[in-house]
């Protein structure tokens, strides 16, 4: 059998998506998938070193690995009017976040990029951003907040304990933050939708280019069949995903899966591809990613 490493997060949506593969109920055409479960920031870092054959990745991280990996047409996580949130112990406005220390799940996560886009927009007019537009990648010199990296599943308790002024939450924290008596400051997916009219492309799957075009297409098709199988056998796939459902009962886990495994996950489509391009264009304008001239989906 031909062996492949497949990296994804230990979360209900990823577990649901790859249930067909993990359970052996999808024809893999002679490929053997070794599942590597790690948090998204670690997977982003590993992708920069080309360590995995296929891996989930933050869209923010993709420009840094585009020379080595292509995006698969399936496997995306889109927030269509919802997404990562900033939460705090007490009610505050977006403007109140300026100068505050915010716990974030990683500097290459799309959540961190979206927050940076929001706060740069709030603090600088478009003409000022354009005037300072870098020719290439440079450090984000115009940051309007301080941040500290905290493991994604510890951010809620970190903020509740007062160790940061606010927290940027991803994954199931978007549905469970009120259990920690925290208040929502902003939903970044909602902000992005109101600003651009597009869904917020949070994550996707990438595959090594050196596998070759034929193998890349065949493997991508296998990944799609796994997603299709899970959607067609939802009850058993959700039961499998419950092993990764922190602080969530079955109904909440099923709701969370529905938010991020849907028609966008089967294929980005024209709108999804446009959303990725727009996010990375804006990220390049404020110097957070190198320019990605061509987006390739296989």
Protein backbone atom coordinates (compact mmCIF):
# COMPACT_ATOMS: atom_id res chain seq x y z
CA UNK A 1 0.00 0.00 0.00
CA UNK A 2 1.10 3.56 -0.68
CA UNK A 3 1.34 5.42 2.62
CA UNK A 4 0.34 9.04 3.18
CA UNK A 5 0.40 11.20 6.30
CA UNK A 6 -2.85 13.14 6.80
CA UNK A 7 -2.76 15.95 9.36
CA UNK A 8 -5.89 17.43 10.89
CA UNK A 9 -7.10 18.99 14.12
CA UNK A 10 -8.55 16.92 16.99
CA UNK A 11 -11.93 18.62 16.60
CA UNK A 12 -15.44 17.37 15.85
CA UNK A 13 -15.63 18.89 12.38
CA UNK A 14 -12.35 17.36 11.18
CA UNK A 15 -13.17 14.04 12.86
CA UNK A 16 -16.55 14.06 11.12
CA UNK A 17 -15.01 14.97 7.77
CA UNK A 18 -12.50 12.10 7.84
CA UNK A 19 -14.78 9.48 9.42
CA UNK A 20 -15.07 7.62 6.14
CA UNK A 21 -11.29 7.20 6.00
CA UNK A 22 -10.75 6.53 9.69
CA UNK A 23 -13.45 3.84 9.72
CA UNK A 24 -12.20 2.15 6.55
CA UNK A 25 -15.58 2.59 4.89
CA UNK A 26 -14.29 4.52 1.89
CA UNK A 27 -12.32 2.96 -0.96
CA UNK A 28 -8.83 4.45 -0.78
CA UNK A 29 -7.64 2.89 -4.06
CA UNK A 30 -4.55 1.38 -2.49
CA UNK A 31 -3.53 4.45 -0.48
CA UNK A 32 -3.07 4.10 3.29
CA UNK A 33 -3.73 7.24 5.35
CA UNK A 34 -1.89 7.70 8.62
CA UNK A 35 -3.93 10.25 10.63
CA UNK A 36 -1.84 12.83 12.50
CA UNK A 37 -3.94 14.80 15.00
CA UNK A 38 -2.44 18.12 16.13
CA UNK A 39 -3.64 21.67 16.77
CA UNK A 40 -3.86 23.93 13.75
CA UNK A 41 -0.90 26.14 14.67
CA UNK A 42 1.33 23.06 14.89
CA UNK A 43 0.01 21.83 11.53
CA UNK A 44 0.71 25.26 10.01
CA UNK A 45 4.28 25.07 11.29
CA UNK A 46 4.76 21.53 9.99
CA UNK A 47 3.47 22.57 6.57
CA UNK A 48 6.20 25.22 6.33
CA UNK A 49 8.68 22.37 6.69
CA UNK A 50 6.82 20.11 4.26
CA UNK A 51 6.55 17.32 6.81
CA UNK A 52 3.08 15.96 5.93
CA UNK A 53 1.71 14.70 2.63
CA UNK A 54 -1.76 16.17 3.19
CA UNK A 55 -2.71 18.49 6.01
CA UNK A 56 -5.33 20.85 7.25
CA UNK A 57 -3.99 24.38 7.21
CA UNK A 58 -5.11 27.91 8.02
CA UNK A 59 -5.78 29.91 4.87
CA UNK A 60 -3.57 32.59 6.45
CA UNK A 61 -0.67 30.14 6.32
CA UNK A 62 -1.14 29.07 2.72
CA UNK A 63 0.96 31.80 1.00
CA UNK A 64 3.95 30.64 3.04
CA UNK A 65 3.71 27.07 1.71
CA UNK A 66 2.20 27.60 -1.77
CA UNK A 67 5.45 26.62 -3.48
CA UNK A 68 5.29 23.17 -1.91
CA UNK A 69 1.55 22.52 -1.54
CA UNK A 70 -1.64 23.04 -3.55
CA UNK A 71 -5.09 23.50 -2.01
CA UNK A 72 -7.47 20.59 -2.47
CA UNK A 73 -10.86 21.58 -3.91
CA UNK A 74 -12.59 19.97 -0.92
CA UNK A 75 -12.09 20.14 2.84
CA UNK A 76 -12.57 23.86 3.41
CA UNK A 77 -13.97 25.35 6.61
CA UNK A 78 -16.02 28.45 5.77
CA UNK A 79 -17.69 30.79 8.21
CA UNK A 80 -20.65 32.14 6.26
CA UNK A 81 -21.66 35.03 8.50
CA UNK A 82 -20.09 33.45 11.58
CA UNK A 83 -16.61 32.48 12.67
CA UNK A 84 -13.91 33.07 15.28
CA UNK A 85 -14.86 35.44 18.08
CA UNK A 86 -13.20 37.83 20.47
CA UNK A 87 -14.52 37.44 24.01
CA UNK A 88 -13.80 39.24 27.27
CA UNK A 89 -14.72 39.14 30.95
CA UNK A 90 -16.75 42.36 30.67
CA UNK A 91 -18.68 43.91 27.78
CA UNK A 92 -16.50 46.08 25.54
CA UNK A 93 -16.53 47.55 22.05
CA UNK A 94 -14.19 46.82 19.15
CA UNK A 95 -12.51 50.17 19.78
CA UNK A 96 -11.79 49.08 23.37
CA UNK A 97 -9.53 46.31 22.02
CA UNK A 98 -6.88 48.81 20.94
CA UNK A 99 -3.82 48.46 23.13
CA UNK A 100 -5.22 45.42 24.94
CA UNK A 101 -3.52 42.05 25.35
CA UNK A 102 -5.45 39.39 23.45
CA UNK A 103 -4.84 35.67 23.81
CA UNK A 104 -4.70 34.13 20.31
CA UNK A 105 -4.44 30.50 19.11
CA UNK A 106 -1.50 31.16 16.78
CA UNK A 107 0.05 33.87 14.62
CA UNK A 108 -0.60 32.00 11.35
CA UNK A 109 -4.24 31.19 12.09
CA UNK A 110 -6.88 32.84 9.92
CA UNK A 111 -8.57 34.04 13.10
CA UNK A 112 -5.47 36.10 13.95
CA UNK A 113 -5.35 37.46 10.40
CA UNK A 114 -9.03 38.45 10.46
CA UNK A 115 -8.58 40.19 13.81
CA UNK A 116 -5.56 42.08 12.48
CA UNK A 117 -7.55 43.14 9.39
CA UNK A 118 -10.42 44.33 11.56
CA UNK A 119 -8.31 46.39 13.96
CA UNK A 120 -6.15 47.87 11.21
CA UNK A 121 -9.31 48.91 9.41
CA UNK A 122 -10.66 50.45 12.58
CA UNK A 123 -7.50 52.47 13.19
CA UNK A 124 -6.37 53.55 9.71
CA UNK A 125 -8.26 54.89 6.70
CA UNK A 126 -7.75 52.93 3.44
CA UNK A 127 -5.60 55.73 1.98
CA UNK A 128 -3.14 55.42 4.85
CA UNK A 129 -2.86 51.66 4.40
CA UNK A 130 -2.30 52.08 0.65
CA UNK A 131 0.36 54.76 1.22
CA UNK A 132 2.34 52.41 3.46
CA UNK A 133 1.70 49.30 1.38
CA UNK A 134 4.81 47.12 1.43
CA UNK A 135 6.41 45.74 -1.72
CA UNK A 136 7.00 42.43 0.01
CA UNK A 137 6.33 40.85 3.36
CA UNK A 138 7.39 42.85 6.39
CA UNK A 139 6.58 42.69 10.11
CA UNK A 140 3.17 44.05 11.02
CA UNK A 141 4.35 47.46 12.22
CA UNK A 142 0.86 48.93 12.56
CA UNK A 143 -0.53 46.45 15.07
CA UNK A 144 -3.08 48.10 17.31
CA UNK A 145 -3.10 45.38 19.98
CA UNK A 146 -0.73 43.14 21.90
CA UNK A 147 -1.10 39.40 21.68
CA UNK A 148 0.11 36.24 23.36
CA UNK A 149 -0.16 32.76 21.89
CA UNK A 150 -2.17 30.35 24.03
CA UNK A 151 -3.28 26.81 23.11
CA UNK A 152 -6.71 27.16 21.50
CA UNK A 153 -8.53 24.97 24.04
CA UNK A 154 -7.11 26.95 26.99
CA UNK A 155 -8.03 30.48 25.84
CA UNK A 156 -11.47 30.56 27.50
CA UNK A 157 -10.10 29.62 30.92
CA UNK A 158 -7.12 31.95 30.36
CA UNK A 159 -9.42 34.94 29.82
CA UNK A 160 -11.87 33.90 32.57
CA UNK A 161 -8.93 33.86 35.00
CA UNK A 162 -7.98 37.41 33.99
CA UNK A 163 -4.64 36.47 32.44
CA UNK A 164 -5.49 38.39 29.23
CA UNK A 165 -7.81 41.29 28.49
CA UNK A 166 -9.61 39.33 25.78
CA UNK A 167 -9.36 36.06 23.89
CA UNK A 168 -9.63 35.06 20.25
CA UNK A 169 -11.56 31.79 20.20
CA UNK A 170 -11.87 29.17 17.47
CA UNK A 171 -13.47 25.74 17.16
CA UNK A 172 -16.09 24.81 19.75
CA UNK A 173 -15.30 27.84 21.92
CA UNK A 174 -17.58 29.81 19.61
CA UNK A 175 -20.51 27.85 21.07
CA UNK A 176 -19.35 27.35 24.66
CA UNK A 177 -17.81 30.69 25.73
CA UNK A 178 -20.88 31.66 27.75
CA UNK A 179 -20.24 28.67 30.03
CA UNK A 180 -17.23 30.67 31.24
CA UNK A 181 -19.37 33.79 31.83
CA UNK A 182 -17.58 35.65 29.02
CA UNK A 183 -19.00 38.29 26.68
CA UNK A 184 -18.71 38.43 22.90
CA UNK A 185 -16.93 41.53 21.60
CA UNK A 186 -17.06 40.69 17.88
CA UNK A 187 -17.76 37.76 15.60
CA UNK A 188 -15.10 38.01 12.88
CA UNK A 189 -17.08 35.94 10.38
CA UNK A 190 -20.04 38.27 10.81
CA UNK A 191 -17.79 41.32 10.37
CA UNK A 192 -16.16 39.85 7.25
CA UNK A 193 -19.53 39.03 5.68
CA UNK A 194 -20.84 42.56 6.32
CA UNK A 195 -17.62 44.05 4.90
CA UNK A 196 -17.14 41.90 1.79
CA UNK A 197 -20.39 39.99 1.27
CA UNK A 198 -18.28 36.79 1.27
CA UNK A 199 -17.85 33.83 3.62
CA UNK A 200 -14.70 33.84 5.73
CA UNK A 201 -12.37 31.03 4.53
CA UNK A 202 -10.82 29.79 7.74
CA UNK A 203 -9.07 26.58 6.81
CA UNK A 204 -8.51 24.12 4.01
CA UNK A 205 -6.58 21.01 3.10
CA UNK A 206 -3.34 21.09 1.17
CA UNK A 207 -1.46 18.35 -0.66
CA UNK A 208 2.19 18.06 -1.62
CA UNK A 209 2.89 19.04 -5.22
CA UNK A 210 5.71 16.51 -5.55
CA UNK A 211 3.17 13.66 -5.41
CA UNK A 212 2.45 14.52 -9.04
CA UNK A 213 -0.69 15.77 -10.76
CA UNK A 214 -2.32 12.36 -11.22
CA UNK A 215 -1.84 11.28 -7.61
CA UNK A 216 -2.91 14.69 -6.28
CA UNK A 217 -6.19 14.50 -8.20
CA UNK A 218 -6.82 10.89 -7.14
CA UNK A 219 -6.15 11.63 -3.45
CA UNK A 220 -8.30 14.76 -3.52
CA UNK A 221 -11.17 12.68 -4.90
CA UNK A 222 -10.73 10.17 -2.05
CA UNK A 223 -10.91 12.99 0.51
CA UNK A 224 -14.14 14.22 -1.07
CA UNK A 225 -15.62 10.72 -0.91
CA UNK A 226 -14.88 10.63 2.81
CA UNK A 227 -16.75 13.91 3.31
CA UNK A 228 -19.65 12.69 1.17
CA UNK A 229 -19.81 9.44 3.17
CA UNK A 230 -19.96 11.34 6.48
CA UNK A 231 -22.71 13.64 5.25
CA UNK A 232 -24.68 10.63 3.99
CA UNK A 233 -24.19 8.75 7.29
CA UNK A 234 -24.45 11.73 9.60
CA UNK A 235 -25.60 9.97 12.77
CA UNK A 236 -22.71 7.51 12.90
CA UNK A 237 -20.18 10.15 11.80
CA UNK A 238 -21.32 12.51 14.59
CA UNK A 239 -21.05 9.62 17.07
CA UNK A 240 -17.44 9.17 15.93
CA UNK A 241 -16.79 12.93 16.25
CA UNK A 242 -18.07 12.98 19.86
CA UNK A 243 -14.70 11.66 21.02
CA UNK A 244 -13.31 15.11 20.14
CA UNK A 245 -16.25 17.23 21.35
CA UNK A 246 -14.85 19.15 24.30
CA UNK A 247 -17.55 20.68 26.55
CA UNK A 248 -20.25 19.72 24.06
CA UNK A 249 -23.16 17.34 24.16
CA UNK A 250 -24.30 15.52 21.05
CA UNK A 251 -26.77 18.19 19.91
CA UNK A 252 -24.21 20.98 20.24
CA UNK A 253 -21.55 18.89 18.50
CA UNK A 254 -23.95 18.17 15.66
CA UNK A 255 -24.66 21.90 15.35
CA UNK A 256 -20.94 22.70 15.30
CA UNK A 257 -20.27 20.08 12.63
CA UNK A 258 -23.08 21.56 10.52
CA UNK A 259 -21.45 24.98 10.71
CA UNK A 260 -18.19 23.83 9.18
CA UNK A 261 -18.88 20.65 7.18
CA UNK A 262 -21.34 21.51 4.44
CA UNK A 263 -21.52 22.37 0.71
CA UNK A 264 -18.46 24.63 1.07
CA UNK A 265 -16.53 21.61 2.36
CA UNK A 266 -17.39 19.51 -0.69
CA UNK A 267 -16.08 22.24 -2.99
CA UNK A 268 -15.06 25.87 -2.54
CA UNK A 269 -17.03 26.83 -5.62
CA UNK A 270 -16.61 30.17 -7.35
CA UNK A 271 -17.65 32.20 -4.29
CA UNK A 272 -15.34 30.28 -1.98
CA UNK A 273 -12.37 30.71 -4.29
CA UNK A 274 -13.12 34.42 -4.55
CA UNK A 275 -13.26 34.64 -0.75
CA UNK A 276 -9.81 33.05 -0.42
CA UNK A 277 -8.36 35.43 -3.01
CA UNK A 278 -9.89 38.49 -1.33
CA UNK A 279 -8.70 37.49 2.14
CA UNK A 280 -5.13 36.96 0.95
CA UNK A 281 -5.18 40.16 -1.11
CA UNK A 282 -6.12 42.18 1.96
CA UNK A 283 -3.59 40.32 4.08
CA UNK A 284 -0.84 41.21 1.60
CA UNK A 285 -1.89 44.87 1.65
CA UNK A 286 -1.14 45.13 5.37
CA UNK A 287 2.08 43.13 5.07
CA UNK A 288 0.98 39.93 6.78
CA UNK A 289 1.55 37.48 3.90
CA UNK A 290 3.67 37.35 0.75
CA UNK A 291 1.74 37.88 -2.46
CA UNK A 292 0.09 34.76 -3.87
CA UNK A 293 -0.19 35.32 -7.61
CA UNK A 294 -1.93 32.05 -8.48
CA UNK A 295 -4.29 30.03 -6.30
CA UNK A 296 -4.38 26.40 -7.36
CA UNK A 297 -7.14 24.00 -6.28
CA UNK A 298 -6.85 20.32 -7.18
